[in-house]
Amino acid sequence: MLGKIYTIDNVEVKGKTLLVRIDLNSSIGEDGKIQLNSRFLSHGKTIVELAKKGAKVVAICHQGRPGDSEFRSLREHAALLSQATGIDVHFLQDIFGPASLDKIKNLAEGEVLLLENLRLLSEEMLERSSTDAAKSLHVQKLSSCVDLFVNDAFSVAHRSQASIVGFNALLPSVAGRVMQCELNAVERLLQRQNGAVFLLGGVKFKEVLDLAEAVCKNGKAKKILFTGACALLFLKAKGLALGEPTEIKLEKLDANNYIRRAKVLLEGYPDVIATPVDVAVDQDTKRKEYPTVDLPVNYPILDIGMKTISKYCQLITGAETVFAKGAPGNFEKREFSHSTRELCTALANSKAFTVLGGGSLLTAFEAFKLDKAKISHVSLSGGALLEALAGKSLPGVEALEKHQL
């Protein structure tokens, strides 16, 4: 995959103006602020390298979606990126207006500029081909005053939005360090999938099922261990009644639309699919465990039980390759953090080639102060990683392959 793509090693960047697509999209803390996280630190390394080589760096990214609570300006991101890089990152509350274009044209070597949230632009939200996306006004305007496009945002490479695929049609394009590392990890994982153990949770049912179906059909998976909302989906697919609080939760997540696909996997690959044998519920604010054969219970299921945790940890310990995505339990609540803590510890202590998916599992790993250096690769990606491992083409990667130097 990466063999077909040029990276920043293949170009001379000194004195050139680079448009660098990064992904700093982050969850909002209880204090209403964004915290310095792995995305800032990882993309920051790409930016520092380019700046030290004498490039003029123009960074673009997004935060949230229009209409949701996490949609906001990137002013706060610029401050955090400055903290991560040690460079005074300039910020403009503009994307392609006269102020931005003038600032870009007057950047000095080593300077870094972050433009405003791309998703303020309606054209950015459209899914289109590279050729059509290149017609977007912001792509046209920004392309006119930069020399090179650097895509460092693997985590949104499964989108065919303008900032991911549009600039490639107008500019020489290369992969940044984060994109390079992610593609290398995907390649290694695809090569080592035989006999792999997959630990899959979270609420992205479609992406998780796409991956599970792919690795079951190609015979790559030794075991798929379902946790979190995905485990509840499969328990329901087995015909188990879970109890009203949990059923309501699944209904809100549109789980019923995926029950049939889960049933097909259970019936076709019973030796591969593993589901919990016990669960933990919030019974009057206390953890109470029930075997799944005793369901339903009229309390919300918030974690897998200790017998399931022990079984899953043994399978992880004995594996040669492990891919993990999605926190197994509601780890923010101490009583329901058991599975997340134990399984993350098993991953950290495993001698296997391990890939940790981004998002909640990465947050949990950091919350428990586990050593990320023990993990073979920690991904910043969610959906894009799942789609790549399922064998799907990623528009952002395809655009890099087609439109290079």
Protein backbone atom coordinates (compact mmCIF):
# COMPACT_ATOMS: atom_id res chain seq x y z
CA MET A 1 0.00 0.00 0.00
CA LEU A 2 2.65 2.53 1.08
CA GLY A 3 5.00 1.40 -1.66
CA LYS A 4 2.84 3.23 -4.20
CA ILE A 5 2.88 6.53 -2.30
CA TYR A 6 5.52 9.23 -2.04
CA THR A 7 6.28 10.63 1.43
CA ILE A 8 7.97 13.80 2.62
CA ASP A 9 11.27 11.95 2.26
CA ASN A 10 10.85 12.24 -1.51
CA VAL A 11 10.64 16.03 -1.70
CA GLU A 12 12.76 19.09 -0.98
CA VAL A 13 10.58 21.36 1.15
CA LYS A 14 12.93 24.23 2.05
CA GLY A 15 11.44 27.54 0.98
CA LYS A 16 8.23 25.91 -0.24
CA THR A 17 4.73 26.56 1.04
CA LEU A 18 3.08 23.34 2.15
CA LEU A 19 -0.62 22.76 2.74
CA VAL A 20 -0.78 20.04 5.41
CA ARG A 21 -4.06 18.24 6.14
CA ILE A 22 -4.04 17.04 9.74
CA ASP A 23 -6.75 15.72 12.05
CA LEU A 24 -7.04 17.41 15.44
CA ASN A 25 -10.72 16.54 15.86
CA SER A 26 -11.06 15.91 19.61
CA SER A 27 -13.67 15.24 22.25
CA ILE A 28 -14.64 18.07 24.58
CA GLY A 29 -13.82 17.65 28.27
CA GLU A 30 -16.23 18.19 31.13
CA ASP A 31 -14.70 21.65 31.57
CA GLY A 32 -15.76 22.51 28.01
CA LYS A 33 -12.17 22.50 26.78
CA ILE A 34 -10.06 20.31 24.52
CA GLN A 35 -7.06 18.67 26.17
CA LEU A 36 -3.62 18.16 24.67
CA ASN A 37 -3.82 14.65 23.24
CA SER A 38 -2.08 12.15 20.96
CA ARG A 39 -3.36 13.80 17.79
CA PHE A 40 -1.68 17.10 18.61
CA LEU A 41 1.54 15.35 19.62
CA SER A 42 1.67 13.04 16.58
CA HIS A 43 0.77 15.61 13.91
CA GLY A 44 3.01 18.04 15.76
CA LYS A 45 6.01 15.86 14.91
CA THR A 46 5.24 16.14 11.19
CA ILE A 47 4.86 19.91 11.47
CA VAL A 48 8.10 20.32 13.46
CA GLU A 49 10.04 18.25 10.93
CA LEU A 50 8.73 20.30 8.02
CA ALA A 51 9.31 23.62 9.78
CA LYS A 52 12.86 22.66 10.75
CA LYS A 53 13.54 21.81 7.11
CA GLY A 54 12.61 25.37 6.17
CA ALA A 55 9.07 24.81 4.90
CA LYS A 56 6.28 27.36 5.24
CA VAL A 57 3.50 25.28 6.81
CA VAL A 58 -0.22 25.92 6.36
CA ALA A 59 -2.24 23.42 8.42
CA ILE A 60 -5.90 22.66 7.79
CA CYS A 61 -8.30 20.46 9.76
CA HIS A 62 -11.79 20.22 11.22
CA GLN A 63 -13.52 19.98 14.58
CA GLY A 64 -16.94 18.36 14.97
CA ARG A 65 -19.82 18.63 12.55
CA PRO A 66 -22.20 21.53 11.97
CA GLY A 67 -25.04 21.29 14.46
CA ASP A 68 -23.33 19.08 17.03
CA SER A 69 -22.01 20.15 20.43
CA GLU A 70 -18.34 19.64 19.46
CA PHE A 71 -18.45 21.96 16.44
CA ARG A 72 -16.31 25.00 17.22
CA SER A 73 -13.50 27.30 16.14
CA LEU A 74 -9.91 26.02 15.95
CA ARG A 75 -8.43 28.91 17.97
CA GLU A 76 -8.03 26.59 20.96
CA HIS A 77 -6.40 23.98 18.69
CA ALA A 78 -3.78 26.49 17.56
CA ALA A 79 -2.75 27.11 21.17
CA LEU A 80 -2.51 23.37 21.88
CA LEU A 81 -0.58 22.78 18.66
CA SER A 82 1.85 25.50 19.75
CA GLN A 83 2.26 23.66 23.04
CA ALA A 84 2.84 20.33 21.27
CA THR A 85 5.38 21.70 18.79
CA GLY A 86 7.15 24.43 20.69
CA ILE A 87 6.39 26.66 17.68
CA ASP A 88 4.22 29.77 17.85
CA VAL A 89 1.41 28.53 15.59
CA HIS A 90 -0.42 31.47 14.03
CA PHE A 91 -4.22 31.25 13.77
CA LEU A 92 -6.58 33.00 11.41
CA GLN A 93 -10.35 32.93 11.80
CA ASP A 94 -10.55 32.54 8.04
CA ILE A 95 -9.96 29.81 5.46
CA PHE A 96 -9.55 31.21 1.97
CA GLY A 97 -10.46 34.87 2.24
CA PRO A 98 -8.06 37.76 1.51
CA ALA A 99 -6.63 37.68 5.05
CA SER A 100 -5.64 34.00 4.77
CA LEU A 101 -4.27 34.23 1.23
CA ASP A 102 -2.23 37.30 2.13
CA LYS A 103 -0.86 35.66 5.30
CA ILE A 104 0.06 32.48 3.38
CA LYS A 105 1.93 34.44 0.70
CA ASN A 106 3.95 36.26 3.38
CA LEU A 107 4.88 33.31 5.59
CA ALA A 108 8.57 33.00 6.41
CA GLU A 109 10.50 29.74 6.35
CA GLY A 110 9.73 27.70 9.47
CA GLU A 111 6.49 29.54 10.24
CA VAL A 112 3.27 27.61 10.88
CA LEU A 113 -0.29 28.82 10.25
CA LEU A 114 -3.51 27.03 11.23
CA LEU A 115 -6.63 28.03 9.32
CA GLU A 116 -10.20 27.98 10.64
CA ASN A 117 -12.45 24.89 10.88
CA LEU A 118 -12.92 23.49 7.37
CA ARG A 119 -16.42 22.27 8.17
CA LEU A 120 -17.65 25.84 8.31
CA LEU A 121 -17.72 25.41 4.52
CA SER A 122 -20.70 23.53 3.07
CA GLU A 123 -18.59 22.36 0.11
CA GLU A 124 -16.23 20.56 2.49
CA MET A 125 -19.00 18.28 3.74
CA LEU A 126 -19.82 16.84 0.29
CA GLU A 127 -18.53 13.38 -0.69
CA ARG A 128 -17.18 13.65 -4.24
CA SER A 129 -14.53 12.40 -6.60
CA SER A 130 -11.08 14.01 -6.54
CA THR A 131 -11.79 15.82 -9.82
CA ASP A 132 -15.11 17.24 -8.61
CA ALA A 133 -13.77 18.09 -5.16
CA ALA A 134 -10.97 20.06 -6.83
CA LYS A 135 -13.63 22.46 -8.17
CA SER A 136 -14.52 23.55 -4.60
CA LEU A 137 -13.81 27.25 -4.10
CA HIS A 138 -11.56 26.75 -1.05
CA VAL A 139 -9.53 24.09 -2.89
CA GLN A 140 -9.08 26.40 -5.88
CA LYS A 141 -8.11 29.40 -3.76
CA LEU A 142 -5.70 27.66 -1.41
CA SER A 143 -4.07 25.64 -4.20
CA SER A 144 -3.19 28.86 -5.98
CA CYS A 145 -0.79 29.98 -3.25
CA VAL A 146 0.92 26.76 -2.09
CA ASP A 147 3.50 24.46 -3.70
CA LEU A 148 2.73 21.03 -2.25
CA PHE A 149 -0.09 19.13 -0.53
CA VAL A 150 0.84 16.88 2.42
CA ASN A 151 -1.90 14.52 3.60
CA ASP A 152 -1.11 13.50 7.17
CA ALA A 153 -4.70 12.64 8.13
CA PHE A 154 -5.14 8.88 7.76
CA SER A 155 -8.00 9.00 10.26
CA VAL A 156 -10.23 10.77 7.70
CA ALA A 157 -8.84 9.00 4.62
CA HIS A 158 -12.09 7.03 4.33
CA ARG A 159 -13.88 10.29 3.48
CA SER A 160 -13.96 11.69 -0.05
CA GLN A 161 -14.32 15.28 1.12
CA ALA A 162 -12.60 18.21 -0.55
CA SER A 163 -9.71 18.62 1.87
CA ILE A 164 -8.94 14.90 1.64
CA VAL A 165 -9.14 14.28 -2.12
CA GLY A 166 -9.51 17.67 -3.84
CA PHE A 167 -6.05 19.20 -3.47
CA ASN A 168 -4.41 16.09 -4.93
CA ALA A 169 -5.84 16.86 -8.37
CA LEU A 170 -4.23 20.31 -8.42
CA LEU A 171 -0.99 19.93 -6.47
CA PRO A 172 1.96 17.53 -6.15
CA SER A 173 1.00 15.36 -3.17
CA VAL A 174 2.82 13.29 -0.57
CA ALA A 175 2.05 11.50 2.70
CA GLY A 176 3.04 12.99 6.05
CA ARG A 177 4.60 11.02 8.90
CA VAL A 178 1.33 10.07 10.61
CA MET A 179 -0.14 8.83 7.31
CA GLN A 180 3.10 6.95 6.63
CA CYS A 181 3.12 5.22 10.04
CA GLU A 182 -0.56 4.31 9.85
CA LEU A 183 -0.21 2.79 6.38
CA ASN A 184 2.85 0.82 7.48
CA ALA A 185 0.90 -0.59 10.44
CA VAL A 186 -2.05 -1.53 8.25
CA GLU A 187 0.28 -3.29 5.84
CA ARG A 188 1.96 -5.25 8.63
CA LEU A 189 -1.35 -6.18 10.21
CA LEU A 190 -2.77 -7.38 6.90
CA GLN A 191 0.31 -9.54 6.40
CA ARG A 192 0.04 -11.01 9.91
CA GLN A 193 -3.71 -11.48 10.14
CA ASN A 194 -3.61 -15.29 9.99
CA GLY A 195 -4.59 -16.51 13.44
CA ALA A 196 -5.14 -12.98 14.73
CA VAL A 197 -7.33 -12.10 17.69
CA PHE A 198 -9.65 -9.12 17.23
CA LEU A 199 -11.01 -7.29 20.29
CA LEU A 200 -13.89 -5.20 18.98
CA GLY A 201 -16.20 -2.82 20.82
CA GLY A 202 -17.68 0.63 20.44
CA VAL A 203 -20.86 1.79 18.74
CA LYS A 204 -19.76 1.84 15.09
CA PHE A 205 -21.72 -1.29 14.25
CA LYS A 206 -21.41 -1.04 10.48
CA GLU A 207 -17.63 -0.63 10.44
CA VAL A 208 -17.12 -3.36 13.05
CA LEU A 209 -19.39 -5.79 11.20
CA ASP A 210 -17.69 -5.02 7.88
CA LEU A 211 -14.34 -5.93 9.45
CA ALA A 212 -15.69 -9.02 11.23
CA GLU A 213 -17.29 -10.31 8.02
CA ALA A 214 -14.12 -9.71 6.02
CA VAL A 215 -11.74 -11.49 8.42
CA CYS A 216 -14.17 -14.37 8.92
CA LYS A 217 -14.66 -14.91 5.19
CA ASN A 218 -10.95 -14.78 4.38
CA GLY A 219 -10.15 -17.12 7.26
CA LYS A 220 -7.75 -14.65 8.90
CA ALA A 221 -9.32 -14.42 12.36
CA LYS A 222 -8.66 -16.96 15.08
CA LYS A 223 -11.08 -15.27 17.44
CA ILE A 224 -13.21 -12.13 17.46
CA LEU A 225 -13.91 -10.99 21.01
CA PHE A 226 -16.87 -8.65 21.20
CA THR A 227 -17.23 -6.13 24.00
CA GLY A 228 -19.20 -2.97 24.77
CA ALA A 229 -22.23 -2.13 22.64
CA CYS A 230 -21.06 -4.62 19.99
CA ALA A 231 -21.26 -7.43 22.54
CA LEU A 232 -24.80 -6.38 23.43
CA LEU A 233 -25.70 -6.44 19.74
CA PHE A 234 -24.46 -10.02 19.40
CA LEU A 235 -26.17 -11.16 22.61
CA LYS A 236 -29.40 -9.77 21.21
CA ALA A 237 -28.70 -11.52 17.90
CA LYS A 238 -28.46 -14.78 19.88
CA GLY A 239 -32.07 -14.21 20.89
CA LEU A 240 -31.38 -13.05 24.43
CA ALA A 241 -33.61 -10.44 26.02
CA LEU A 242 -31.30 -7.97 27.74
CA GLY A 243 -33.68 -5.91 29.80
CA GLU A 244 -35.51 -2.66 29.14
CA PRO A 245 -32.71 -0.16 30.02
CA THR A 246 -30.22 -1.88 27.72
CA GLU A 247 -32.78 -2.47 24.97
CA ILE A 248 -33.60 1.25 24.95
CA LYS A 249 -29.90 2.07 24.68
CA LEU A 250 -29.47 -0.26 21.70
CA GLU A 251 -32.57 1.12 20.03
CA LYS A 252 -31.10 4.63 20.23
CA LEU A 253 -27.95 3.29 18.54
CA ASP A 254 -30.02 1.76 15.70
CA ALA A 255 -28.76 -1.70 16.67
CA ASN A 256 -31.86 -3.42 15.27
CA ASN A 257 -30.65 -2.56 11.76
CA TYR A 258 -27.61 -4.81 12.31
CA ILE A 259 -29.15 -7.80 14.10
CA ARG A 260 -29.48 -9.86 10.91
CA ARG A 261 -25.82 -9.41 9.98
CA ALA A 262 -24.75 -10.40 13.49
CA LYS A 263 -26.92 -13.54 13.31
CA VAL A 264 -25.29 -14.57 10.02
CA LEU A 265 -21.84 -14.29 11.60
CA LEU A 266 -22.91 -16.25 14.68
CA GLU A 267 -24.37 -19.03 12.57
CA GLY A 268 -21.56 -19.14 10.01
CA TYR A 269 -18.56 -18.81 12.31
CA PRO A 270 -19.51 -20.12 15.79
CA ASP A 271 -15.90 -21.11 16.58
CA VAL A 272 -14.58 -17.64 15.74
CA ILE A 273 -17.16 -15.33 17.31
CA ALA A 274 -16.87 -14.92 21.08
CA THR A 275 -19.52 -13.15 23.14
CA PRO A 276 -19.71 -12.52 26.90
CA VAL A 277 -20.74 -15.31 29.24
CA ASP A 278 -21.49 -12.79 31.98
CA VAL A 279 -22.19 -9.08 32.27
CA ALA A 280 -22.03 -6.35 34.91
CA VAL A 281 -24.97 -4.06 35.56
CA ASP A 282 -25.48 -0.84 37.45
CA GLN A 283 -27.74 -2.03 40.24
CA ASP A 284 -28.51 0.93 42.48
CA THR A 285 -25.09 2.50 41.67
CA LYS A 286 -23.24 -0.73 42.52
CA ARG A 287 -21.67 -3.33 40.22
CA LYS A 288 -23.61 -6.58 40.12
CA GLU A 289 -22.72 -9.43 37.77
CA TYR A 290 -25.09 -11.85 36.07
CA PRO A 291 -24.45 -14.83 33.78
CA THR A 292 -25.90 -14.10 30.36
CA VAL A 293 -28.19 -17.14 30.76
CA ASP A 294 -29.92 -15.22 33.57
CA LEU A 295 -30.80 -12.25 31.38
CA PRO A 296 -32.91 -10.11 31.12
CA VAL A 297 -32.25 -7.79 34.03
CA ASN A 298 -33.96 -4.49 34.65
CA TYR A 299 -30.67 -2.63 35.10
CA PRO A 300 -28.36 -1.10 32.47
CA ILE A 301 -25.51 -3.38 31.34
CA LEU A 302 -22.30 -1.34 31.57
CA ASP A 303 -19.51 -3.91 31.41
CA ILE A 304 -18.63 -7.52 30.67
CA GLY A 305 -18.29 -9.85 33.67
CA MET A 306 -15.16 -11.22 35.32
CA LYS A 307 -15.43 -14.70 33.74
CA THR A 308 -15.56 -13.13 30.30
CA ILE A 309 -12.67 -10.82 31.16
CA SER A 310 -10.53 -13.79 32.24
CA LYS A 311 -11.38 -15.75 29.08
CA TYR A 312 -10.61 -12.78 26.80
CA CYS A 313 -7.31 -12.01 28.59
CA GLN A 314 -6.15 -15.62 28.09
CA LEU A 315 -6.88 -15.43 24.37
CA ILE A 316 -4.98 -12.13 24.06
CA THR A 317 -2.01 -13.51 26.01
CA GLY A 318 -1.77 -16.54 23.72
CA ALA A 319 -2.12 -14.65 20.43
CA GLU A 320 0.62 -13.74 17.96
CA THR A 321 -1.31 -10.78 16.53
CA VAL A 322 -3.98 -8.65 18.22
CA PHE A 323 -6.06 -5.77 16.93
CA ALA A 324 -8.15 -3.89 19.50
CA LYS A 325 -10.75 -1.18 18.92
CA GLY A 326 -13.35 0.28 21.27
CA ALA A 327 -13.40 0.40 25.08
CA PRO A 328 -14.92 -2.80 26.56
CA GLY A 329 -16.85 -1.07 29.36
CA ASN A 330 -17.91 2.27 30.80
CA PHE A 331 -14.41 2.87 32.14
CA GLU A 332 -15.22 6.45 33.17
CA LYS A 333 -17.13 4.89 36.09
CA ARG A 334 -14.70 3.10 38.42
CA GLU A 335 -17.08 0.21 39.18
CA PHE A 336 -17.40 -0.54 35.46
CA SER A 337 -13.79 -0.07 34.41
CA HIS A 338 -12.71 -3.64 35.25
CA SER A 339 -12.79 -5.05 31.72
CA THR A 340 -11.14 -2.02 30.15
CA ARG A 341 -8.34 -1.98 32.71
CA GLU A 342 -7.70 -5.75 32.59
CA LEU A 343 -7.84 -6.08 28.81
CA CYS A 344 -5.66 -3.00 28.27
CA THR A 345 -3.15 -4.46 30.73
CA ALA A 346 -3.20 -7.76 28.84
CA LEU A 347 -2.53 -5.88 25.61
CA ALA A 348 0.35 -3.97 27.20
CA ASN A 349 1.91 -7.19 28.51
CA SER A 350 1.33 -9.22 25.36
CA LYS A 351 4.30 -10.42 23.29
CA ALA A 352 2.10 -10.28 20.18
CA PHE A 353 2.20 -7.73 17.38
CA THR A 354 -0.47 -5.40 18.76
CA VAL A 355 -2.36 -2.57 17.11
CA LEU A 356 -4.48 -0.32 19.29
CA GLY A 357 -7.31 1.55 17.57
CA GLY A 358 -7.79 5.20 18.46
CA GLY A 359 -10.67 6.87 20.25
CA SER A 360 -12.02 5.58 23.55
CA LEU A 361 -9.58 2.68 23.91
CA LEU A 362 -6.61 5.00 23.55
CA THR A 363 -8.18 7.39 26.07
CA ALA A 364 -8.63 4.47 28.48
CA PHE A 365 -5.04 3.33 27.98
CA GLU A 366 -3.85 6.81 28.93
CA ALA A 367 -6.28 7.07 31.85
CA PHE A 368 -4.88 3.88 33.40
CA LYS A 369 -1.32 5.18 32.85
CA LEU A 370 -0.32 2.10 30.87
CA ASP A 371 2.83 2.25 28.76
CA LYS A 372 1.83 2.88 25.15
CA ALA A 373 5.38 2.06 24.11
CA LYS A 374 4.56 -1.61 24.76
CA ILE A 375 1.99 -1.52 21.95
CA SER A 376 3.41 -2.19 18.48
CA HIS A 377 1.32 0.59 16.92
CA VAL A 378 -1.14 3.04 18.45
CA SER A 379 -3.46 4.34 15.76
CA LEU A 380 -5.14 7.74 15.78
CA SER A 381 -7.84 6.37 13.54
CA GLY A 382 -11.20 4.69 13.95
CA GLY A 383 -13.36 4.24 10.87
CA ALA A 384 -10.53 4.52 8.34
CA LEU A 385 -8.51 1.83 10.09
CA LEU A 386 -11.46 -0.55 10.27
CA GLU A 387 -12.23 -0.04 6.59
CA ALA A 388 -8.60 -0.56 5.55
CA LEU A 389 -8.38 -3.80 7.53
CA ALA A 390 -11.65 -4.94 5.94
CA GLY A 391 -9.96 -4.58 2.55
CA LYS A 392 -11.82 -1.47 1.46
CA SER A 393 -10.24 1.27 -0.63
CA LEU A 394 -9.75 4.59 1.15
CA PRO A 395 -10.42 7.67 -1.03
CA GLY A 396 -7.68 9.69 0.68
CA VAL A 397 -5.09 6.99 0.04
CA GLU A 398 -6.30 6.42 -3.54
CA ALA A 399 -5.96 10.17 -4.20
CA LEU A 400 -2.35 10.07 -2.97
CA GLU A 401 -1.63 7.12 -5.28
CA LYS A 402 -3.14 8.77 -8.35
CA HIS A 403 -1.90 12.33 -7.93
CA GLN A 404 1.72 12.44 -6.78
CA LEU A 405 4.86 14.34 -7.75
